[in-house]
Amino acid sequence: MGKKKGNNNDWPSRSSGGFLGDVEVFVDDINHCSTDSIDVGITVAEEGKVDKKKKKKRKNNDPSRSEKLRTAKLDDIEFAGSSSNIDSYTDANRFGTVGLANEGILENERVDSVTNERETQENWPPDCYSFIALHAPAKAPSFFLFGIFVWGMQITFLILLVLRVASHQLSTNDVDNPVSDFYSSFIPSNVDSLSRGTQYMAVLAYCMFAGESVRDVVAAVEMWPNFRKVQKGDEVNMIMLSCFLRFAQGLLASCVVLLLVVSTSDVIEIILNFTAVNFISGFDNVAFELAQCGKYGPLMEAEAKRIENLPAPPCIARKYRHVRYRWTIIPVLAFLLCVLGRVTYCQLSRKIWMTTTLRVQFADNTNLKMFNGCYAINKNLKGSRTRNGDRKFYNSYEALLRQR
């Protein structure tokens, strides 16, 4: 603390922020003084404490901490002391200790420290894809095949779900879509408003509150190796293979979710489909946890515990993970919404998925046999609004012939 001239009154305490350090300052003059504030001119004299150890030269011309303090704005300089009567300060020159609080420097240093710590302390993901990334098939075939087996189970279940929805031979779904192309064979020609709203909400929730399948896509993008940071001994090829398999499984799961959503008109079934896909995408995490518990043998248990605490190489560690997360989620969400929007447009259109001709057949024991026959849509008539769209009118072929 520097000496002060004049009265022995204490310095007033006026502090609104944290202090970066202490420096000695010289008060040139007092411009204005009142009971609420004091307006002074300050000149930084020298640093309060000098490190006795020899300072190392900084690389890349990085300014030292004291230089940052000297270049701080005078608006951020605040006195540190005890409260007193400000009117008693009349001397022109005073020495004191001040703290320099620069919120911009504090915030930047806080963010940089968090991101640097995250980059240095990043570990391998605790799932079966880490077995593939760390073990080549020639060096450790058992660990590699364990990861491949889990991935194969995921892909098999997802393909079975696709065949259940899209295959004519393997599916028993009855769809009312009049068009005979591939997509309309498993997508209903129309759904009610409640189901349509649930479809959009389900897709938004699927991406915003990322489930297992979406997180696999994000993890594959985040872990793709940065070749500028590759070090000697890094299994880059195995890391790339692991990322590719993870990305393929996550992308296929997202497509399956979309197929299940657009092919279902029941609200409860839409939600249950999400649960089924997330259950399949979580096989890798469940298998890794079982390996940690020793269910697959002591050798697999020891390796799983080692992977969980194994630091990740710098080539896959990311400082700002939120950047790649955003650039992965946004395209996936945009793709799903575009496809769902196209399906909605086809369902609401009067030209695309519209039944133009239908046949009616009543039972013989009824008095409605006169209405049996084929009917064609009358596009000139528009009925009242219903929950499934505008009501359509159909005329019998006999009526059409009479009109001609």
Protein backbone atom coordinates (compact mmCIF):
# COMPACT_ATOMS: atom_id res chain seq x y z
CA MET A 1 0.00 0.00 0.00
CA GLY A 2 1.46 3.41 -0.97
CA LYS A 3 1.62 6.32 1.43
CA LYS A 4 -0.88 9.13 1.19
CA LYS A 5 -0.40 12.80 1.92
CA GLY A 6 -2.77 15.11 3.83
CA ASN A 7 -5.38 14.08 6.35
CA ASN A 8 -5.40 10.67 7.96
CA ASN A 9 -8.89 9.86 6.75
CA ASP A 10 -9.43 6.48 5.16
CA TRP A 11 -10.11 5.93 1.50
CA PRO A 12 -13.78 5.40 0.63
CA SER A 13 -14.93 1.94 -0.40
CA ARG A 14 -16.50 2.11 -3.84
CA SER A 15 -16.25 -1.24 -5.58
CA SER A 16 -18.64 -2.86 -8.04
CA GLY A 17 -16.53 -5.63 -9.50
CA GLY A 18 -13.70 -8.04 -8.87
CA PHE A 19 -10.04 -7.04 -8.83
CA LEU A 20 -7.49 -8.34 -11.26
CA GLY A 21 -4.49 -7.09 -9.30
CA ASP A 22 -2.92 -4.24 -7.33
CA VAL A 23 -0.87 -1.41 -8.82
CA GLU A 24 0.47 1.81 -7.32
CA VAL A 25 -1.12 4.92 -8.75
CA PHE A 26 -0.45 8.63 -8.38
CA VAL A 27 -3.44 10.93 -7.99
CA ASP A 28 -2.67 14.03 -10.06
CA ASP A 29 -5.53 16.21 -8.86
CA ILE A 30 -9.04 16.12 -7.54
CA ASN A 31 -11.41 17.74 -10.01
CA HIS A 32 -14.64 17.48 -8.07
CA CYS A 33 -15.50 16.27 -4.60
CA SER A 34 -18.86 15.65 -2.96
CA THR A 35 -20.41 13.33 -0.42
CA ASP A 36 -21.45 10.86 -3.13
CA SER A 37 -18.51 10.78 -5.52
CA ILE A 38 -14.98 11.94 -6.08
CA ASP A 39 -13.56 12.88 -9.48
CA VAL A 40 -9.80 12.39 -9.64
CA GLY A 41 -7.03 12.18 -12.20
CA ILE A 42 -4.98 8.98 -11.90
CA THR A 43 -1.59 8.06 -13.31
CA VAL A 44 -0.30 4.49 -13.03
CA ALA A 45 3.13 4.62 -11.43
CA GLU A 46 4.38 1.06 -11.22
CA GLU A 47 3.23 -2.42 -10.37
CA GLY A 48 2.66 -3.00 -6.67
CA LYS A 49 4.32 -6.38 -6.55
CA VAL A 50 7.25 -7.50 -8.60
CA ASP A 51 7.94 -11.17 -9.01
CA LYS A 52 11.45 -11.91 -7.90
CA LYS A 53 11.71 -14.92 -10.17
CA LYS A 54 12.93 -14.39 -13.67
CA LYS A 55 9.98 -14.09 -16.04
CA LYS A 56 9.97 -16.24 -19.14
CA LYS A 57 9.47 -14.67 -22.52
CA ARG A 58 5.97 -15.08 -23.83
CA LYS A 59 5.41 -16.65 -27.19
CA ASN A 60 3.46 -15.07 -30.05
CA ASN A 61 3.85 -11.61 -28.48
CA ASP A 62 1.19 -12.38 -25.88
CA PRO A 63 0.89 -9.34 -23.59
CA SER A 64 1.69 -9.95 -19.95
CA ARG A 65 -0.86 -9.64 -17.20
CA SER A 66 0.60 -6.35 -15.98
CA GLU A 67 0.40 -4.90 -19.48
CA LYS A 68 -3.28 -5.81 -19.64
CA LEU A 69 -3.77 -4.04 -16.33
CA ARG A 70 -1.97 -0.90 -17.50
CA THR A 71 -4.05 -0.73 -20.67
CA ALA A 72 -7.35 -1.17 -18.84
CA LYS A 73 -9.82 1.66 -19.15
CA LEU A 74 -9.81 4.32 -16.46
CA ASP A 75 -13.54 3.79 -16.15
CA ASP A 76 -12.82 0.34 -14.69
CA ILE A 77 -10.43 1.65 -11.97
CA GLU A 78 -11.96 1.62 -8.52
CA PHE A 79 -10.58 2.48 -5.11
CA ALA A 80 -10.27 -0.25 -2.46
CA GLY A 81 -10.41 0.98 1.09
CA SER A 82 -12.67 1.71 4.01
CA SER A 83 -15.53 4.18 4.13
CA SER A 84 -14.91 7.77 5.28
CA ASN A 85 -16.02 11.34 4.74
CA ILE A 86 -15.02 12.33 1.19
CA ASP A 87 -15.24 16.08 1.88
CA SER A 88 -12.10 15.95 4.01
CA TYR A 89 -9.87 15.09 1.04
CA THR A 90 -8.32 18.30 -0.19
CA ASP A 91 -4.70 17.40 -0.96
CA ALA A 92 -3.74 17.39 -4.59
CA ASN A 93 -1.36 14.43 -4.60
CA ARG A 94 -2.13 11.05 -3.03
CA PHE A 95 -0.79 7.53 -3.29
CA GLY A 96 -3.05 4.51 -2.96
CA THR A 97 -3.74 0.96 -3.99
CA VAL A 98 -6.45 0.42 -6.56
CA GLY A 99 -7.96 -2.66 -8.12
CA LEU A 100 -8.49 -2.85 -11.85
CA ALA A 101 -11.74 -4.58 -12.79
CA ASN A 102 -12.22 -5.19 -16.47
CA GLU A 103 -15.28 -7.31 -17.08
CA GLY A 104 -14.32 -8.03 -20.68
CA ILE A 105 -10.96 -9.52 -19.72
CA LEU A 106 -12.53 -11.50 -16.87
CA GLU A 107 -15.20 -12.98 -19.13
CA ASN A 108 -12.75 -13.93 -21.88
CA GLU A 109 -10.33 -15.51 -19.43
CA ARG A 110 -13.17 -17.45 -17.79
CA VAL A 111 -14.43 -18.85 -21.12
CA ASP A 112 -10.91 -19.69 -22.32
CA SER A 113 -10.07 -21.49 -19.08
CA VAL A 114 -13.23 -23.62 -19.29
CA THR A 115 -12.68 -24.56 -22.93
CA ASN A 116 -8.98 -25.28 -22.41
CA GLU A 117 -9.79 -27.49 -19.43
CA ARG A 118 -12.43 -29.33 -21.45
CA GLU A 119 -9.97 -29.92 -24.29
CA THR A 120 -7.26 -31.27 -22.01
CA GLN A 121 -9.58 -33.42 -19.84
CA GLU A 122 -11.68 -34.96 -22.63
CA ASN A 123 -12.03 -38.74 -22.32
CA TRP A 124 -13.15 -41.41 -24.73
CA PRO A 125 -16.93 -41.91 -24.95
CA PRO A 126 -18.14 -44.80 -22.77
CA ASP A 127 -19.71 -46.87 -25.56
CA CYS A 128 -18.85 -49.77 -27.82
CA TYR A 129 -17.65 -47.53 -30.64
CA SER A 130 -14.60 -46.71 -28.52
CA PHE A 131 -13.63 -50.39 -28.72
CA ILE A 132 -13.57 -50.04 -32.51
CA ALA A 133 -11.59 -46.80 -32.44
CA LEU A 134 -8.92 -48.08 -30.04
CA HIS A 135 -8.39 -51.64 -31.25
CA ALA A 136 -7.45 -52.70 -34.75
CA PRO A 137 -8.74 -56.12 -35.85
CA ALA A 138 -5.20 -57.46 -36.28
CA LYS A 139 -4.01 -56.38 -32.80
CA ALA A 140 -7.07 -57.01 -30.60
CA PRO A 141 -9.71 -58.90 -32.60
CA SER A 142 -11.92 -59.71 -29.59
CA PHE A 143 -12.42 -56.06 -28.62
CA PHE A 144 -12.90 -54.98 -32.23
CA LEU A 145 -15.44 -57.73 -32.96
CA PHE A 146 -17.33 -56.86 -29.78
CA GLY A 147 -17.92 -53.33 -31.06
CA ILE A 148 -18.77 -54.56 -34.57
CA PHE A 149 -21.27 -57.08 -33.16
CA VAL A 150 -23.17 -54.40 -31.24
CA TRP A 151 -23.21 -52.12 -34.30
CA GLY A 152 -24.49 -55.02 -36.45
CA MET A 153 -27.33 -55.65 -34.01
CA GLN A 154 -28.38 -52.01 -34.21
CA ILE A 155 -28.32 -51.93 -38.01
CA THR A 156 -30.25 -55.22 -38.24
CA PHE A 157 -33.08 -54.02 -36.01
CA LEU A 158 -33.32 -50.71 -37.87
CA ILE A 159 -33.49 -52.46 -41.25
CA LEU A 160 -36.24 -54.73 -39.92
CA LEU A 161 -38.23 -51.65 -38.94
CA VAL A 162 -37.79 -50.20 -42.43
CA LEU A 163 -38.97 -53.44 -44.04
CA ARG A 164 -41.92 -53.58 -41.67
CA VAL A 165 -43.05 -50.19 -42.90
CA ALA A 166 -42.06 -50.04 -46.57
CA SER A 167 -42.14 -53.62 -47.87
CA HIS A 168 -45.32 -54.89 -49.54
CA GLN A 169 -44.42 -58.56 -49.06
CA LEU A 170 -43.35 -58.29 -45.41
CA SER A 171 -45.90 -55.73 -44.24
CA THR A 172 -49.58 -56.16 -43.48
CA ASN A 173 -50.40 -52.47 -43.27
CA ASP A 174 -53.51 -51.40 -45.15
CA VAL A 175 -52.97 -47.94 -46.64
CA ASP A 176 -55.73 -45.95 -48.33
CA ASN A 177 -53.39 -44.03 -50.62
CA PRO A 178 -54.61 -44.26 -54.24
CA VAL A 179 -51.18 -43.63 -55.80
CA SER A 180 -49.08 -46.70 -56.51
CA ASP A 181 -45.53 -45.31 -56.21
CA PHE A 182 -43.06 -46.37 -53.50
CA TYR A 183 -43.63 -43.59 -50.97
CA SER A 184 -47.41 -43.55 -51.18
CA SER A 185 -47.50 -47.31 -50.60
CA PHE A 186 -46.94 -46.85 -46.85
CA ILE A 187 -48.01 -43.21 -46.25
CA PRO A 188 -51.73 -42.58 -45.65
CA SER A 189 -53.45 -40.21 -48.04
CA ASN A 190 -54.57 -38.01 -45.16
CA VAL A 191 -54.48 -37.77 -41.36
CA ASP A 192 -56.47 -35.76 -38.86
CA SER A 193 -55.23 -32.45 -37.48
CA LEU A 194 -54.27 -33.90 -34.09
CA SER A 195 -52.02 -36.53 -35.66
CA ARG A 196 -50.45 -33.99 -38.00
CA GLY A 197 -49.63 -31.66 -35.13
CA THR A 198 -48.17 -34.55 -33.15
CA GLN A 199 -45.93 -35.45 -36.09
CA TYR A 200 -44.38 -31.98 -36.20
CA MET A 201 -44.01 -31.79 -32.43
CA ALA A 202 -42.37 -35.21 -32.38
CA VAL A 203 -39.79 -34.23 -35.01
CA LEU A 204 -38.97 -30.98 -33.18
CA ALA A 205 -38.59 -32.76 -29.85
CA TYR A 206 -36.52 -35.49 -31.47
CA CYS A 207 -33.88 -32.96 -32.56
CA MET A 208 -34.09 -30.32 -29.82
CA PHE A 209 -33.99 -32.87 -26.98
CA ALA A 210 -31.59 -35.16 -28.78
CA GLY A 211 -32.11 -38.84 -28.17
CA GLU A 212 -29.60 -41.64 -28.56
CA SER A 213 -29.73 -41.73 -32.36
CA VAL A 214 -29.27 -37.98 -32.84
CA ARG A 215 -26.46 -37.91 -30.27
CA ASP A 216 -24.69 -40.63 -32.24
CA VAL A 217 -24.76 -38.42 -35.34
CA VAL A 218 -23.44 -35.47 -33.35
CA ALA A 219 -20.72 -37.55 -31.68
CA ALA A 220 -19.55 -38.86 -35.05
CA VAL A 221 -19.15 -35.31 -36.35
CA GLU A 222 -17.47 -34.08 -33.16
CA MET A 223 -15.00 -36.96 -33.02
CA TRP A 224 -13.95 -36.82 -36.66
CA PRO A 225 -10.16 -36.40 -36.36
CA ASN A 226 -8.46 -33.09 -36.95
CA PHE A 227 -5.47 -34.10 -39.07
CA ARG A 228 -3.45 -31.06 -38.01
CA LYS A 229 -3.42 -32.34 -34.41
CA VAL A 230 -2.65 -35.97 -35.14
CA GLN A 231 0.22 -37.27 -33.04
CA LYS A 232 2.41 -40.31 -33.38
CA GLY A 233 0.60 -43.41 -32.20
CA ASP A 234 -2.95 -42.19 -32.92
CA GLU A 235 -5.04 -44.80 -34.72
CA VAL A 236 -6.52 -42.33 -37.19
CA ASN A 237 -7.93 -44.98 -39.53
CA MET A 238 -9.72 -46.77 -36.70
CA ILE A 239 -11.07 -43.48 -35.37
CA MET A 240 -12.44 -42.63 -38.82
CA LEU A 241 -14.00 -46.10 -39.09
CA SER A 242 -15.64 -45.70 -35.69
CA CYS A 243 -17.03 -42.28 -36.65
CA PHE A 244 -18.35 -43.62 -39.96
CA LEU A 245 -20.14 -46.56 -38.32
CA ARG A 246 -21.58 -44.32 -35.62
CA PHE A 247 -22.77 -41.76 -38.18
CA ALA A 248 -24.34 -44.45 -40.40
CA GLN A 249 -26.25 -45.96 -37.49
CA GLY A 250 -27.47 -42.58 -36.23
CA LEU A 251 -28.52 -41.38 -39.68
CA LEU A 252 -30.35 -44.63 -40.41
CA ALA A 253 -32.15 -44.34 -37.07
CA SER A 254 -33.22 -40.79 -37.93
CA CYS A 255 -34.62 -41.96 -41.28
CA VAL A 256 -36.48 -44.78 -39.53
CA VAL A 257 -37.99 -42.27 -37.12
CA LEU A 258 -39.21 -40.20 -40.05
CA LEU A 259 -40.72 -43.23 -41.80
CA LEU A 260 -42.51 -44.32 -38.64
CA VAL A 261 -43.86 -40.82 -38.06
CA VAL A 262 -45.26 -40.22 -41.55
CA SER A 263 -46.70 -43.74 -41.83
CA THR A 264 -48.60 -43.55 -38.54
CA SER A 265 -51.86 -41.71 -37.99
CA ASP A 266 -52.29 -42.59 -34.32
CA VAL A 267 -50.84 -40.25 -31.69
CA ILE A 268 -49.85 -42.96 -29.20
CA GLU A 269 -48.11 -45.03 -31.87
CA ILE A 270 -46.04 -42.01 -32.92
CA ILE A 271 -44.67 -41.61 -29.39
CA LEU A 272 -44.06 -45.35 -29.00
CA ASN A 273 -42.08 -45.40 -32.25
CA PHE A 274 -39.62 -42.88 -30.78
CA THR A 275 -39.15 -45.08 -27.75
CA ALA A 276 -38.41 -48.10 -29.92
CA VAL A 277 -35.79 -46.31 -32.03
CA ASN A 278 -34.03 -44.81 -29.01
CA PHE A 279 -33.98 -48.24 -27.39
CA ILE A 280 -32.17 -49.68 -30.42
CA SER A 281 -29.73 -46.77 -30.61
CA GLY A 282 -28.84 -47.27 -26.94
CA PHE A 283 -27.48 -50.79 -27.44
CA ASP A 284 -23.89 -49.52 -27.53
CA ASN A 285 -24.21 -47.76 -24.17
CA VAL A 286 -25.97 -50.70 -22.51
CA ALA A 287 -23.39 -53.18 -23.80
CA PHE A 288 -20.56 -50.98 -22.51
CA GLU A 289 -22.17 -50.77 -19.06
CA LEU A 290 -22.59 -54.54 -18.94
CA ALA A 291 -18.94 -54.94 -19.90
CA GLN A 292 -17.97 -52.61 -17.05
CA CYS A 293 -19.95 -54.72 -14.61
CA GLY A 294 -18.04 -57.82 -15.69
CA LYS A 295 -20.98 -59.57 -17.38
CA TYR A 296 -18.84 -60.36 -20.43
CA GLY A 297 -15.76 -61.54 -18.56
CA PRO A 298 -12.88 -59.99 -16.58
CA LEU A 299 -10.87 -59.08 -19.67
CA MET A 300 -13.73 -57.06 -21.13
CA GLU A 301 -14.39 -55.51 -17.73
CA ALA A 302 -10.81 -54.30 -17.36
CA GLU A 303 -10.76 -52.84 -20.86
CA ALA A 304 -14.09 -51.05 -20.42
CA LYS A 305 -12.91 -49.45 -17.18
CA ARG A 306 -9.66 -48.41 -18.85
CA ILE A 307 -11.50 -46.79 -21.78
CA GLU A 308 -13.78 -44.83 -19.45
CA ASN A 309 -10.80 -43.06 -17.82
CA LEU A 310 -8.58 -42.94 -20.91
CA PRO A 311 -7.85 -39.37 -22.11
CA ALA A 312 -8.84 -38.74 -25.69
CA PRO A 313 -6.12 -37.70 -28.14
CA PRO A 314 -5.91 -34.02 -29.13
CA CYS A 315 -7.06 -34.81 -32.67
CA ILE A 316 -10.62 -35.64 -31.51
CA ALA A 317 -10.88 -33.32 -28.49
CA ARG A 318 -12.93 -30.23 -29.23
CA LYS A 319 -12.78 -26.88 -27.48
CA TYR A 320 -16.16 -25.58 -28.61
CA ARG A 321 -18.41 -28.61 -28.88
CA HIS A 322 -21.55 -26.50 -29.19
CA VAL A 323 -20.44 -25.25 -32.62
CA ARG A 324 -20.34 -28.69 -34.21
CA TYR A 325 -23.48 -29.64 -32.31
CA ARG A 326 -25.40 -26.79 -33.92
CA TRP A 327 -24.02 -27.44 -37.39
CA THR A 328 -25.10 -31.07 -37.07
CA ILE A 329 -28.54 -30.67 -35.50
CA ILE A 330 -29.71 -27.87 -37.80
CA PRO A 331 -29.23 -29.82 -41.09
CA VAL A 332 -30.84 -32.94 -39.61
CA LEU A 333 -33.83 -30.94 -38.36
CA ALA A 334 -34.14 -29.10 -41.68
CA PHE A 335 -34.10 -32.37 -43.62
CA LEU A 336 -36.75 -34.00 -41.44
CA LEU A 337 -39.02 -30.95 -41.55
CA CYS A 338 -38.68 -30.63 -45.34
CA VAL A 339 -39.68 -34.25 -45.91
CA LEU A 340 -42.54 -33.99 -43.42
CA GLY A 341 -43.70 -30.75 -45.04
CA ARG A 342 -43.71 -32.43 -48.45
CA VAL A 343 -45.85 -35.25 -47.09
CA THR A 344 -48.27 -32.75 -45.55
CA TYR A 345 -48.55 -30.88 -48.85
CA CYS A 346 -49.37 -34.10 -50.71
CA GLN A 347 -51.98 -35.04 -48.13
CA LEU A 348 -53.73 -31.67 -48.30
CA SER A 349 -53.54 -31.31 -52.07
CA ARG A 350 -56.64 -31.97 -54.20
CA LYS A 351 -54.53 -33.24 -57.09
CA ILE A 352 -51.76 -35.50 -55.78
CA TRP A 353 -53.03 -38.10 -53.29
CA MET A 354 -56.70 -37.84 -54.19
CA THR A 355 -58.96 -40.83 -54.86
CA THR A 356 -60.60 -40.03 -58.17
CA THR A 357 -62.55 -43.28 -58.62
CA LEU A 358 -64.04 -45.67 -56.08
CA ARG A 359 -66.30 -48.70 -56.16
CA VAL A 360 -69.18 -49.30 -53.73
CA GLN A 361 -70.67 -52.74 -53.04
CA PHE A 362 -73.42 -53.32 -50.48
CA ALA A 363 -74.54 -56.67 -49.09
CA ASP A 364 -77.35 -58.55 -50.78
CA ASN A 365 -79.61 -58.53 -47.71
CA THR A 366 -79.84 -54.73 -47.75
CA ASN A 367 -82.06 -52.40 -49.70
CA LEU A 368 -79.06 -50.44 -51.00
CA LYS A 369 -78.19 -52.62 -53.96
CA MET A 370 -79.28 -49.85 -56.28
CA PHE A 371 -76.28 -47.80 -55.13
CA ASN A 372 -73.73 -50.44 -56.06
CA GLY A 373 -71.27 -49.40 -58.71
CA CYS A 374 -68.34 -47.09 -59.44
CA TYR A 375 -68.20 -43.43 -58.53
CA ALA A 376 -65.98 -40.67 -59.90
CA ILE A 377 -64.98 -37.50 -58.06
CA ASN A 378 -66.73 -34.27 -58.96
CA LYS A 379 -64.01 -31.63 -58.82
CA ASN A 380 -66.46 -28.79 -59.44
CA LEU A 381 -68.23 -29.28 -56.11
CA LYS A 382 -66.62 -28.41 -52.78
CA GLY A 383 -68.16 -29.58 -49.55
CA SER A 384 -68.04 -28.26 -46.02
CA ARG A 385 -64.87 -28.23 -43.95
CA THR A 386 -64.18 -31.30 -41.83
CA ARG A 387 -61.34 -32.27 -39.53
CA ASN A 388 -59.73 -34.20 -42.41
CA GLY A 389 -60.10 -31.42 -44.97
CA ASP A 390 -62.81 -30.38 -47.37
CA ARG A 391 -65.58 -32.88 -48.01
CA LYS A 392 -65.39 -34.45 -51.47
CA PHE A 393 -68.33 -35.33 -53.76
CA TYR A 394 -68.52 -38.38 -56.00
CA ASN A 395 -71.01 -39.07 -58.78
CA SER A 396 -71.97 -42.49 -60.08
CA TYR A 397 -71.10 -43.46 -63.63
CA GLU A 398 -74.80 -43.61 -64.49
CA ALA A 399 -75.26 -40.02 -63.38
CA LEU A 400 -72.26 -38.97 -65.42
CA LEU A 401 -73.66 -40.70 -68.49
CA ARG A 402 -77.02 -38.98 -68.03
CA GLN A 403 -75.27 -35.61 -67.79
CA ARG A 404 -73.56 -36.25 -71.11
